[in-house]
């Protein structure tokens, strides 16, 4: 798999970004630095409900401000993705009930 030759089925719609169809895996759209930060967030239980572990010693007041702000942005985006997934699942369930 490369950006020029994505695997079959990797096309996604990004209407919120103004792109109706993207045929490149999203991972190729993210820089190595951002991927590293995403890994840090995941290692700190970012996707988990609640605060999770912090990357540096001390409490929240002793964390780098940019890191905490970035974690907040990532948590907000994850919430948007999960909300969209719930809405899609509800719409699919409603459509399935309508067909039966």
PDB file of N, CA and C in Angstrom:
ATOM      1  N   UNK A   1       0.836  -1.175   0.000  1.00  0.00           N
ATOM      2  CA  UNK A   1       0.000   0.000   0.000  1.00  0.00           C
ATOM      3  C   UNK A   1       0.891   1.251   0.000  1.00  0.00           C
ATOM      4  N   UNK A   2       0.604   2.154  -0.868  1.00  0.00           N
ATOM      5  CA  UNK A   2       1.291   3.450  -0.911  1.00  0.00           C
ATOM      6  C   UNK A   2       0.241   4.532  -1.108  1.00  0.00           C
ATOM      7  N   UNK A   3       0.599   5.809  -0.925  1.00  0.00           N
ATOM      8  CA  UNK A   3      -0.389   6.863  -1.171  1.00  0.00           C
ATOM      9  C   UNK A   3      -0.939   6.826  -2.592  1.00  0.00           C
ATOM     10  N   UNK A   4      -0.087   6.455  -3.538  1.00  0.00           N
ATOM     11  CA  UNK A   4      -0.527   6.416  -4.929  1.00  0.00           C
ATOM     12  C   UNK A   4      -1.361   5.182  -5.247  1.00  0.00           C
ATOM     13  N   UNK A   5      -1.174   4.106  -4.493  1.00  0.00           N
ATOM     14  CA  UNK A   5      -1.882   2.848  -4.739  1.00  0.00           C
ATOM     15  C   UNK A   5      -2.502   2.344  -3.442  1.00  0.00           C
ATOM     16  N   UNK A   6      -3.587   2.973  -2.993  1.00  0.00           N
ATOM     17  CA  UNK A   6      -4.209   2.518  -1.742  1.00  0.00           C
ATOM     18  C   UNK A   6      -4.856   1.153  -1.916  1.00  0.00           C
ATOM     19  N   UNK A   7      -5.058   0.474  -0.810  1.00  0.00           N
ATOM     20  CA  UNK A   7      -5.732  -0.812  -0.857  1.00  0.00           C
ATOM     21  C   UNK A   7      -7.189  -0.616  -1.271  1.00  0.00           C
ATOM     22  N   UNK A   8      -7.753  -1.608  -1.875  1.00  0.00           N
ATOM     23  CA  UNK A   8      -9.161  -1.567  -2.276  1.00  0.00           C
ATOM     24  C   UNK A   8     -10.022  -1.335  -1.023  1.00  0.00           C
ATOM     25  N   UNK A   9     -11.015  -0.506  -1.142  1.00  0.00           N
ATOM     26  CA  UNK A   9     -11.914  -0.254  -0.014  1.00  0.00           C
ATOM     27  C   UNK A   9     -11.445   0.846   0.917  1.00  0.00           C
ATOM     28  N   UNK A  10     -10.353   1.532   0.590  1.00  0.00           N
ATOM     29  CA  UNK A  10      -9.867   2.587   1.463  1.00  0.00           C
ATOM     30  C   UNK A  10     -10.442   3.953   1.128  1.00  0.00           C
ATOM     31  N   UNK A  11     -11.295   4.046   0.141  1.00  0.00           N
ATOM     32  CA  UNK A  11     -11.902   5.327  -0.188  1.00  0.00           C
ATOM     33  C   UNK A  11     -12.816   5.740   0.948  1.00  0.00           C
ATOM     34  N   UNK A  12     -12.714   6.984   1.356  1.00  0.00           N
ATOM     35  CA  UNK A  12     -13.553   7.505   2.431  1.00  0.00           C
ATOM     36  C   UNK A  12     -14.130   8.844   2.011  1.00  0.00           C
ATOM     37  N   UNK A  13     -15.229   9.213   2.636  1.00  0.00           N
ATOM     38  CA  UNK A  13     -15.824  10.515   2.378  1.00  0.00           C
ATOM     39  C   UNK A  13     -15.463  11.451   3.522  1.00  0.00           C
ATOM     40  N   UNK A  14     -15.039  12.656   3.193  1.00  0.00           N
ATOM     41  CA  UNK A  14     -14.695  13.675   4.183  1.00  0.00           C
ATOM     42  C   UNK A  14     -15.473  14.940   3.871  1.00  0.00           C
ATOM     43  N   UNK A  15     -16.796  14.831   3.910  1.00  0.00           N
ATOM     44  CA  UNK A  15     -17.636  15.975   3.575  1.00  0.00           C
ATOM     45  C   UNK A  15     -17.358  17.172   4.475  1.00  0.00           C
ATOM     46  N   UNK A  16     -17.065  16.925   5.765  1.00  0.00           N
ATOM     47  CA  UNK A  16     -16.787  18.035   6.685  1.00  0.00           C
ATOM     48  C   UNK A  16     -15.577  18.842   6.239  1.00  0.00           C
ATOM     49  N   UNK A  17     -14.639  18.181   5.556  1.00  0.00           N
ATOM     50  CA  UNK A  17     -13.434  18.862   5.095  1.00  0.00           C
ATOM     51  C   UNK A  17     -13.599  19.436   3.693  1.00  0.00           C
ATOM     52  N   UNK A  18     -14.770  19.214   3.103  1.00  0.00           N
ATOM     53  CA  UNK A  18     -15.003  19.724   1.761  1.00  0.00           C
ATOM     54  C   UNK A  18     -14.563  18.776   0.661  1.00  0.00           C
ATOM     55  N   UNK A  19     -14.206  17.540   1.025  1.00  0.00           N
ATOM     56  CA  UNK A  19     -13.794  16.546   0.036  1.00  0.00           C
ATOM     57  C   UNK A  19     -14.870  15.473  -0.020  1.00  0.00           C
ATOM     58  N   UNK A  20     -15.469  15.277  -1.180  1.00  0.00           N
ATOM     59  CA  UNK A  20     -16.525  14.280  -1.258  1.00  0.00           C
ATOM     60  C   UNK A  20     -15.983  12.854  -1.229  1.00  0.00           C
ATOM     61  N   UNK A  21     -14.786  12.656  -1.765  1.00  0.00           N
ATOM     62  CA  UNK A  21     -14.223  11.311  -1.785  1.00  0.00           C
ATOM     63  C   UNK A  21     -12.700  11.391  -1.756  1.00  0.00           C
ATOM     64  N   UNK A  22     -12.087  10.643  -0.862  1.00  0.00           N
ATOM     65  CA  UNK A  22     -10.632  10.578  -0.753  1.00  0.00           C
ATOM     66  C   UNK A  22     -10.237   9.123  -0.920  1.00  0.00           C
ATOM     67  N   UNK A  23      -9.332   8.846  -1.851  1.00  0.00           N
ATOM     68  CA  UNK A  23      -8.923   7.455  -2.082  1.00  0.00           C
ATOM     69  C   UNK A  23      -7.530   7.159  -1.541  1.00  0.00           C
ATOM     70  N   UNK A  24      -7.049   7.993  -0.672  1.00  0.00           N
ATOM     71  CA  UNK A  24      -5.760   7.778  -0.019  1.00  0.00           C
ATOM     72  C   UNK A  24      -6.039   7.505   1.449  1.00  0.00           C
ATOM     73  N   UNK A  25      -5.389   6.507   2.001  1.00  0.00           N
ATOM     74  CA  UNK A  25      -5.578   6.199   3.416  1.00  0.00           C
ATOM     75  C   UNK A  25      -5.220   7.434   4.242  1.00  0.00           C
ATOM     76  N   UNK A  26      -6.062   7.802   5.221  1.00  0.00           N
ATOM     77  CA  UNK A  26      -5.808   9.017   6.008  1.00  0.00           C
ATOM     78  C   UNK A  26      -4.440   9.063   6.677  1.00  0.00           C
ATOM     79  N   UNK A  27      -3.866   7.910   6.942  1.00  0.00           N
ATOM     80  CA  UNK A  27      -2.562   7.917   7.617  1.00  0.00           C
ATOM     81  C   UNK A  27      -1.492   8.603   6.765  1.00  0.00           C
ATOM     82  N   UNK A  28      -1.660   8.596   5.432  1.00  0.00           N
ATOM     83  CA  UNK A  28      -0.698   9.257   4.563  1.00  0.00           C
ATOM     84  C   UNK A  28      -0.881  10.777   4.560  1.00  0.00           C
ATOM     85  N   UNK A  29      -1.968  11.258   5.135  1.00  0.00           N
ATOM     86  CA  UNK A  29      -2.231  12.697   5.196  1.00  0.00           C
ATOM     87  C   UNK A  29      -1.720  13.327   6.481  1.00  0.00           C
ATOM     88  N   UNK A  30      -1.154  12.507   7.370  1.00  0.00           N
ATOM     89  CA  UNK A  30      -0.698  12.973   8.677  1.00  0.00           C
ATOM     90  C   UNK A  30       0.825  12.880   8.746  1.00  0.00           C
ATOM     91  N   UNK A  31       1.451  13.959   9.202  1.00  0.00           N
ATOM     92  CA  UNK A  31       2.918  13.985   9.280  1.00  0.00           C
ATOM     93  C   UNK A  31       3.428  13.026  10.354  1.00  0.00           C
ATOM     94  N   UNK A  32       4.709  12.702  10.279  1.00  0.00           N
ATOM     95  CA  UNK A  32       5.332  11.815  11.260  1.00  0.00           C
ATOM     96  C   UNK A  32       5.265  12.413  12.662  1.00  0.00           C
ATOM     97  N   UNK A  33       5.407  13.744  12.773  1.00  0.00           N
ATOM     98  CA  UNK A  33       5.344  14.405  14.080  1.00  0.00           C
ATOM     99  C   UNK A  33       3.965  14.235  14.700  1.00  0.00           C
ATOM    100  N   UNK A  34       2.930  14.403  13.896  1.00  0.00           N
ATOM    101  CA  UNK A  34       1.571  14.249  14.419  1.00  0.00           C
ATOM    102  C   UNK A  34       1.301  12.792  14.766  1.00  0.00           C
ATOM    103  N   UNK A  35       1.804  11.867  13.956  1.00  0.00           N
ATOM    104  CA  UNK A  35       1.637  10.450  14.282  1.00  0.00           C
ATOM    105  C   UNK A  35       2.301  10.121  15.610  1.00  0.00           C
ATOM    106  N   UNK A  36       3.462  10.699  15.867  1.00  0.00           N
ATOM    107  CA  UNK A  36       4.159  10.484  17.134  1.00  0.00           C
ATOM    108  C   UNK A  36       3.329  11.026  18.289  1.00  0.00           C
ATOM    109  N   UNK A  37       2.737  12.212  18.099  1.00  0.00           N
ATOM    110  CA  UNK A  37       1.917  12.791  19.163  1.00  0.00           C
ATOM    111  C   UNK A  37       0.653  11.962  19.386  1.00  0.00           C
ATOM    112  N   UNK A  38       0.058  11.461  18.298  1.00  0.00           N
ATOM    113  CA  UNK A  38      -1.110  10.594  18.442  1.00  0.00           C
ATOM    114  C   UNK A  38      -0.751   9.341  19.232  1.00  0.00           C
ATOM    115  N   UNK A  39       0.440   8.811  18.990  1.00  0.00           N
ATOM    116  CA  UNK A  39       0.882   7.633  19.741  1.00  0.00           C
ATOM    117  C   UNK A  39       1.050   7.985  21.220  1.00  0.00           C
ATOM    118  N   UNK A  40       1.602   9.163  21.526  1.00  0.00           N
ATOM    119  CA  UNK A  40       1.737   9.609  22.915  1.00  0.00           C
ATOM    120  C   UNK A  40       0.364   9.698  23.567  1.00  0.00           C
ATOM    121  N   UNK A  41      -0.598  10.280  22.848  1.00  0.00           N
ATOM    122  CA  UNK A  41      -1.959  10.408  23.374  1.00  0.00           C
ATOM    123  C   UNK A  41      -2.561   9.040  23.660  1.00  0.00           C
ATOM    124  N   UNK A  42      -2.365   8.115  22.713  1.00  0.00           N
ATOM    125  CA  UNK A  42      -2.885   6.763  22.910  1.00  0.00           C
ATOM    126  C   UNK A  42      -2.196   6.081  24.088  1.00  0.00           C
ATOM    127  N   UNK A  43      -0.886   6.258  24.223  1.00  0.00           N
ATOM    128  CA  UNK A  43      -0.145   5.663  25.334  1.00  0.00           C
ATOM    129  C   UNK A  43      -0.600   6.209  26.684  1.00  0.00           C
ATOM    130  N   UNK A  44      -1.148   7.420  26.675  1.00  0.00           N
ATOM    131  CA  UNK A  44      -1.626   8.052  27.909  1.00  0.00           C
ATOM    132  C   UNK A  44      -3.114   7.793  28.123  1.00  0.00           C
ATOM    133  N   UNK A  45      -3.653   6.789  27.451  1.00  0.00           N
ATOM    134  CA  UNK A  45      -5.071   6.434  27.551  1.00  0.00           C
ATOM    135  C   UNK A  45      -5.980   7.549  27.077  1.00  0.00           C
ATOM    136  N   UNK A  46      -5.538   8.320  26.087  1.00  0.00           N
ATOM    137  CA  UNK A  46      -6.350   9.410  25.566  1.00  0.00           C
ATOM    138  C   UNK A  46      -7.725   8.983  25.112  1.00  0.00           C
ATOM    139  N   UNK A  47      -7.848   7.886  24.368  1.00  0.00           N
ATOM    140  CA  UNK A  47      -9.176   7.488  23.904  1.00  0.00           C
ATOM    141  C   UNK A  47     -10.090   6.996  25.012  1.00  0.00           C
ATOM    142  N   UNK A  48      -9.537   6.661  26.183  1.00  0.00           N
ATOM    143  CA  UNK A  48     -10.363   6.136  27.269  1.00  0.00           C
ATOM    144  C   UNK A  48     -11.242   7.248  27.844  1.00  0.00           C
ATOM    145  N   UNK A  49     -12.359   6.860  28.404  1.00  0.00           N
ATOM    146  CA  UNK A  49     -13.216   7.843  29.068  1.00  0.00           C
ATOM    147  C   UNK A  49     -12.480   8.349  30.306  1.00  0.00           C
ATOM    148  N   UNK A  50     -12.564   9.627  30.565  1.00  0.00           N
ATOM    149  CA  UNK A  50     -11.889  10.203  31.720  1.00  0.00           C
ATOM    150  C   UNK A  50     -10.547  10.776  31.337  1.00  0.00           C
ATOM    151  N   UNK A  51      -9.781  11.150  32.342  1.00  0.00           N
ATOM    152  CA  UNK A  51      -8.530  11.876  32.115  1.00  0.00           C
ATOM    153  C   UNK A  51      -7.415  10.995  31.581  1.00  0.00           C
ATOM    154  N   UNK A  52      -7.325   9.756  32.043  1.00  0.00           N
ATOM    155  CA  UNK A  52      -6.222   8.912  31.616  1.00  0.00           C
ATOM    156  C   UNK A  52      -4.925   9.308  32.312  1.00  0.00           C
ATOM    157  N   UNK A  53      -3.840   8.673  31.925  1.00  0.00           N
ATOM    158  CA  UNK A  53      -2.531   9.009  32.506  1.00  0.00           C
ATOM    159  C   UNK A  53      -1.981  10.235  31.789  1.00  0.00           C
ATOM    160  N   UNK A  54      -1.132  10.972  32.468  1.00  0.00           N
ATOM    161  CA  UNK A  54      -0.504  12.142  31.861  1.00  0.00           C
ATOM    162  C   UNK A  54       0.916  11.782  31.426  1.00  0.00           C
ATOM    163  N   UNK A  55       1.421  12.433  30.366  1.00  0.00           N
ATOM    164  CA  UNK A  55       2.718  12.024  29.821  1.00  0.00           C
ATOM    165  C   UNK A  55       3.917  12.407  30.681  1.00  0.00           C
ATOM    166  N   UNK A  56       3.787  13.428  31.523  1.00  0.00           N
ATOM    167  CA  UNK A  56       4.925  13.887  32.318  1.00  0.00           C
ATOM    168  C   UNK A  56       4.590  13.790  33.807  1.00  0.00           C
ATOM    169  N   UNK A  57       5.632  13.759  34.646  1.00  0.00           N
ATOM    170  CA  UNK A  57       5.434  13.657  36.088  1.00  0.00           C
ATOM    171  C   UNK A  57       4.638  14.853  36.602  1.00  0.00           C
ATOM    172  N   UNK A  58       3.931  14.652  37.693  1.00  0.00           N
ATOM    173  CA  UNK A  58       3.149  15.735  38.287  1.00  0.00           C
ATOM    174  C   UNK A  58       1.728  15.721  37.780  1.00  0.00           C
ATOM    175  N   UNK A  59       0.953  16.642  38.288  1.00  0.00           N
ATOM    176  CA  UNK A  59      -0.452  16.730  37.908  1.00  0.00           C
ATOM    177  C   UNK A  59      -0.644  17.494  36.616  1.00  0.00           C
ATOM    178  N   UNK A  60      -1.901  17.813  36.341  1.00  0.00           N
ATOM    179  CA  UNK A  60      -2.254  18.502  35.096  1.00  0.00           C
ATOM    180  C   UNK A  60      -1.579  19.866  35.002  1.00  0.00           C
ATOM    181  N   UNK A  61      -1.367  20.508  36.132  1.00  0.00           N
ATOM    182  CA  UNK A  61      -0.759  21.841  36.120  1.00  0.00           C
ATOM    183  C   UNK A  61       0.717  21.802  35.734  1.00  0.00           C
ATOM    184  N   UNK A  62       1.328  20.634  35.796  1.00  0.00           N
ATOM    185  CA  UNK A  62       2.751  20.519  35.481  1.00  0.00           C
ATOM    186  C   UNK A  62       2.999  19.949  34.085  1.00  0.00           C
ATOM    187  N   UNK A  63       1.955  19.763  33.304  1.00  0.00           N
ATOM    188  CA  UNK A  63       2.102  19.264  31.942  1.00  0.00           C
ATOM    189  C   UNK A  63       2.348  20.446  31.005  1.00  0.00           C
ATOM    190  N   UNK A  64       3.042  20.230  29.892  1.00  0.00           N
ATOM    191  CA  UNK A  64       3.205  21.306  28.913  1.00  0.00           C
ATOM    192  C   UNK A  64       1.830  21.744  28.399  1.00  0.00           C
ATOM    193  N   UNK A  65       1.612  23.042  28.364  1.00  0.00           N
ATOM    194  CA  UNK A  65       0.315  23.587  27.954  1.00  0.00           C
ATOM    195  C   UNK A  65      -0.053  23.123  26.543  1.00  0.00           C
ATOM    196  N   UNK A  66       0.901  23.158  25.620  1.00  0.00           N
ATOM    197  CA  UNK A  66       0.595  22.744  24.247  1.00  0.00           C
ATOM    198  C   UNK A  66       0.174  21.280  24.178  1.00  0.00           C
ATOM    199  N   UNK A  67       0.809  20.438  24.997  1.00  0.00           N
ATOM    200  CA  UNK A  67       0.433  19.026  25.001  1.00  0.00           C
ATOM    201  C   UNK A  67      -0.990  18.860  25.512  1.00  0.00           C
ATOM    202  N   UNK A  68      -1.340  19.551  26.579  1.00  0.00           N
ATOM    203  CA  UNK A  68      -2.690  19.438  27.125  1.00  0.00           C
ATOM    204  C   UNK A  68      -3.733  20.002  26.162  1.00  0.00           C
ATOM    205  N   UNK A  69      -3.404  21.095  25.486  1.00  0.00           N
ATOM    206  CA  UNK A  69      -4.332  21.654  24.496  1.00  0.00           C
ATOM    207  C   UNK A  69      -4.498  20.696  23.321  1.00  0.00           C
ATOM    208  N   UNK A  70      -3.403  20.083  22.894  1.00  0.00           N
ATOM    209  CA  UNK A  70      -3.483  19.121  21.790  1.00  0.00           C
ATOM    210  C   UNK A  70      -4.299  17.903  22.201  1.00  0.00           C
ATOM    211  N   UNK A  71      -4.119  17.430  23.433  1.00  0.00           N
ATOM    212  CA  UNK A  71      -4.917  16.311  23.924  1.00  0.00           C
ATOM    213  C   UNK A  71      -6.401  16.680  23.902  1.00  0.00           C
ATOM    214  N   UNK A  72      -6.738  17.911  24.283  1.00  0.00           N
ATOM    215  CA  UNK A  72      -8.133  18.358  24.287  1.00  0.00           C
ATOM    216  C   UNK A  72      -8.698  18.369  22.861  1.00  0.00           C
ATOM    217  N   UNK A  73      -7.891  18.810  21.900  1.00  0.00           N
ATOM    218  CA  UNK A  73      -8.332  18.814  20.505  1.00  0.00           C
ATOM    219  C   UNK A  73      -8.578  17.387  20.033  1.00  0.00           C
ATOM    220  N   UNK A  74      -7.649  16.488  20.342  1.00  0.00           N
ATOM    221  CA  UNK A  74      -7.806  15.089  19.934  1.00  0.00           C
ATOM    222  C   UNK A  74      -9.045  14.466  20.569  1.00  0.00           C
ATOM    223  N   UNK A  75      -9.281  14.756  21.850  1.00  0.00           N
ATOM    224  CA  UNK A  75     -10.465  14.221  22.521  1.00  0.00           C
ATOM    225  C   UNK A  75     -11.744  14.760  21.875  1.00  0.00           C
ATOM    226  N   UNK A  76     -11.734  16.022  21.509  1.00  0.00           N
ATOM    227  CA  UNK A  76     -12.895  16.610  20.847  1.00  0.00           C
ATOM    228  C   UNK A  76     -13.162  15.987  19.495  1.00  0.00           C
ATOM    229  N   UNK A  77     -12.110  15.752  18.733  1.00  0.00           N
ATOM    230  CA  UNK A  77     -12.271  15.133  17.417  1.00  0.00           C
ATOM    231  C   UNK A  77     -12.733  13.686  17.547  1.00  0.00           C
ATOM    232  N   UNK A  78     -12.207  12.978  18.542  1.00  0.00           N
ATOM    233  CA  UNK A  78     -12.646  11.603  18.763  1.00  0.00           C
ATOM    234  C   UNK A  78     -14.136  11.588  19.117  1.00  0.00           C
ATOM    235  N   UNK A  79     -14.572  12.547  19.912  1.00  0.00           N
ATOM    236  CA  UNK A  79     -15.993  12.634  20.260  1.00  0.00           C
ATOM    237  C   UNK A  79     -16.845  12.863  19.011  1.00  0.00           C
ATOM    238  N   UNK A  80     -16.365  13.701  18.082  1.00  0.00           N
ATOM    239  CA  UNK A  80     -17.094  13.936  16.833  1.00  0.00           C
ATOM    240  C   UNK A  80     -17.179  12.658  16.001  1.00  0.00           C
ATOM    241  N   UNK A  81     -16.084  11.918  15.924  1.00  0.00           N
ATOM    242  CA  UNK A  81     -16.072  10.668  15.158  1.00  0.00           C
ATOM    243  C   UNK A  81     -17.045   9.668  15.774  1.00  0.00           C
ATOM    244  N   UNK A  82     -16.998   9.527  17.099  1.00  0.00           N
ATOM    245  CA  UNK A  82     -17.895   8.570  17.756  1.00  0.00           C
ATOM    246  C   UNK A  82     -19.355   8.981  17.594  1.00  0.00           C
ATOM    247  N   UNK A  83     -19.632  10.273  17.640  1.00  0.00           N
ATOM    248  CA  UNK A  83     -20.993  10.761  17.435  1.00  0.00           C
ATOM    249  C   UNK A  83     -21.475  10.436  16.024  1.00  0.00           C
ATOM    250  N   UNK A  84     -20.615  10.660  15.039  1.00  0.00           N
ATOM    251  CA  UNK A  84     -20.971  10.347  13.651  1.00  0.00           C
ATOM    252  C   UNK A  84     -21.195   8.850  13.473  1.00  0.00           C
ATOM    253  N   UNK A  85     -20.373   8.027  14.133  1.00  0.00           N
ATOM    254  CA  UNK A  85     -20.549   6.576  14.054  1.00  0.00           C
ATOM    255  C   UNK A  85     -21.886   6.157  14.664  1.00  0.00           C
ATOM    256  N   UNK A  86     -22.244   6.767  15.810  1.00  0.00           N
ATOM    257  CA  UNK A  86     -23.525   6.447  16.442  1.00  0.00           C
ATOM    258  C   UNK A  86     -24.691   6.827  15.536  1.00  0.00           C
ATOM    259  N   UNK A  87     -24.608   8.032  14.948  1.00  0.00           N
ATOM    260  CA  UNK A  87     -25.682   8.486  14.055  1.00  0.00           C
ATOM    261  C   UNK A  87     -25.813   7.565  12.846  1.00  0.00           C
ATOM    262  N   UNK A  88     -24.684   7.145  12.283  1.00  0.00           N
ATOM    263  CA  UNK A  88     -24.717   6.246  11.130  1.00  0.00           C
ATOM    264  C   UNK A  88     -25.320   4.901  11.522  1.00  0.00           C
ATOM    265  N   UNK A  89     -24.961   4.392  12.687  1.00  0.00           N
ATOM    266  CA  UNK A  89     -25.501   3.112  13.147  1.00  0.00           C
ATOM    267  C   UNK A  89     -27.001   3.227  13.395  1.00  0.00           C
ATOM    268  N   UNK A  90     -27.432   4.353  13.974  1.00  0.00           N
ATOM    269  CA  UNK A  90     -28.865   4.563  14.215  1.00  0.00           C
ATOM    270  C   UNK A  90     -29.623   4.654  12.893  1.00  0.00           C
ATOM    271  N   UNK A  91     -29.068   5.373  11.920  1.00  0.00           N
ATOM    272  CA  UNK A  91     -29.717   5.505  10.614  1.00  0.00           C
ATOM    273  C   UNK A  91     -29.801   4.148   9.920  1.00  0.00           C
ATOM    274  N   UNK A  92     -28.741   3.356  10.036  1.00  0.00           N
ATOM    275  CA  UNK A  92     -28.736   2.029   9.423  1.00  0.00           C
ATOM    276  C   UNK A  92     -29.770   1.122  10.082  1.00  0.00           C
ATOM    277  N   UNK A  93     -29.858   1.197  11.417  1.00  0.00           N
ATOM    278  CA  UNK A  93     -30.841   0.388  12.137  1.00  0.00           C
ATOM    279  C   UNK A  93     -32.259   0.814  11.758  1.00  0.00           C
ATOM    280  N   UNK A  94     -32.475   2.115  11.633  1.00  0.00           N
ATOM    281  CA  UNK A  94     -33.796   2.621  11.248  1.00  0.00           C
ATOM    282  C   UNK A  94     -34.152   2.154   9.833  1.00  0.00           C
ATOM    283  N   UNK A  95     -33.199   2.218   8.927  1.00  0.00           N
ATOM    284  CA  UNK A  95     -33.437   1.768   7.553  1.00  0.00           C
ATOM    285  C   UNK A  95     -33.732   0.267   7.521  1.00  0.00           C
ATOM    286  N   UNK A  96     -33.029  -0.497   8.342  1.00  0.00           N
ATOM    287  CA  UNK A  96     -33.244  -1.941   8.384  1.00  0.00           C
ATOM    288  C   UNK A  96     -34.635  -2.249   8.924  1.00  0.00           C
ATOM    289  N   UNK A  97     -35.086  -1.492   9.930  1.00  0.00           N
ATOM    290  CA  UNK A  97     -36.443  -1.700  10.449  1.00  0.00           C
ATOM    291  C   UNK A  97     -37.479  -1.356   9.391  1.00  0.00           C
ATOM    292  N   UNK A  98     -37.188  -0.336   8.578  1.00  0.00           N
ATOM    293  CA  UNK A  98     -38.120   0.070   7.521  1.00  0.00           C
ATOM    294  C   UNK A  98     -38.231  -0.958   6.414  1.00  0.00           C
ATOM    295  N   UNK A  99     -37.166  -1.720   6.203  1.00  0.00           N
ATOM    296  CA  UNK A  99     -37.175  -2.731   5.150  1.00  0.00           C
ATOM    297  C   UNK A  99     -37.905  -4.003   5.583  1.00  0.00           C
ATOM    298  N   UNK A 100     -38.010  -4.191   6.905  1.00  0.00           N
ATOM    299  CA  UNK A 100     -38.631  -5.450   7.363  1.00  0.00           C
ATOM    300  C   UNK A 100     -40.106  -5.304   7.645  1.00  0.00           C
TER     301      UNK A 100
END
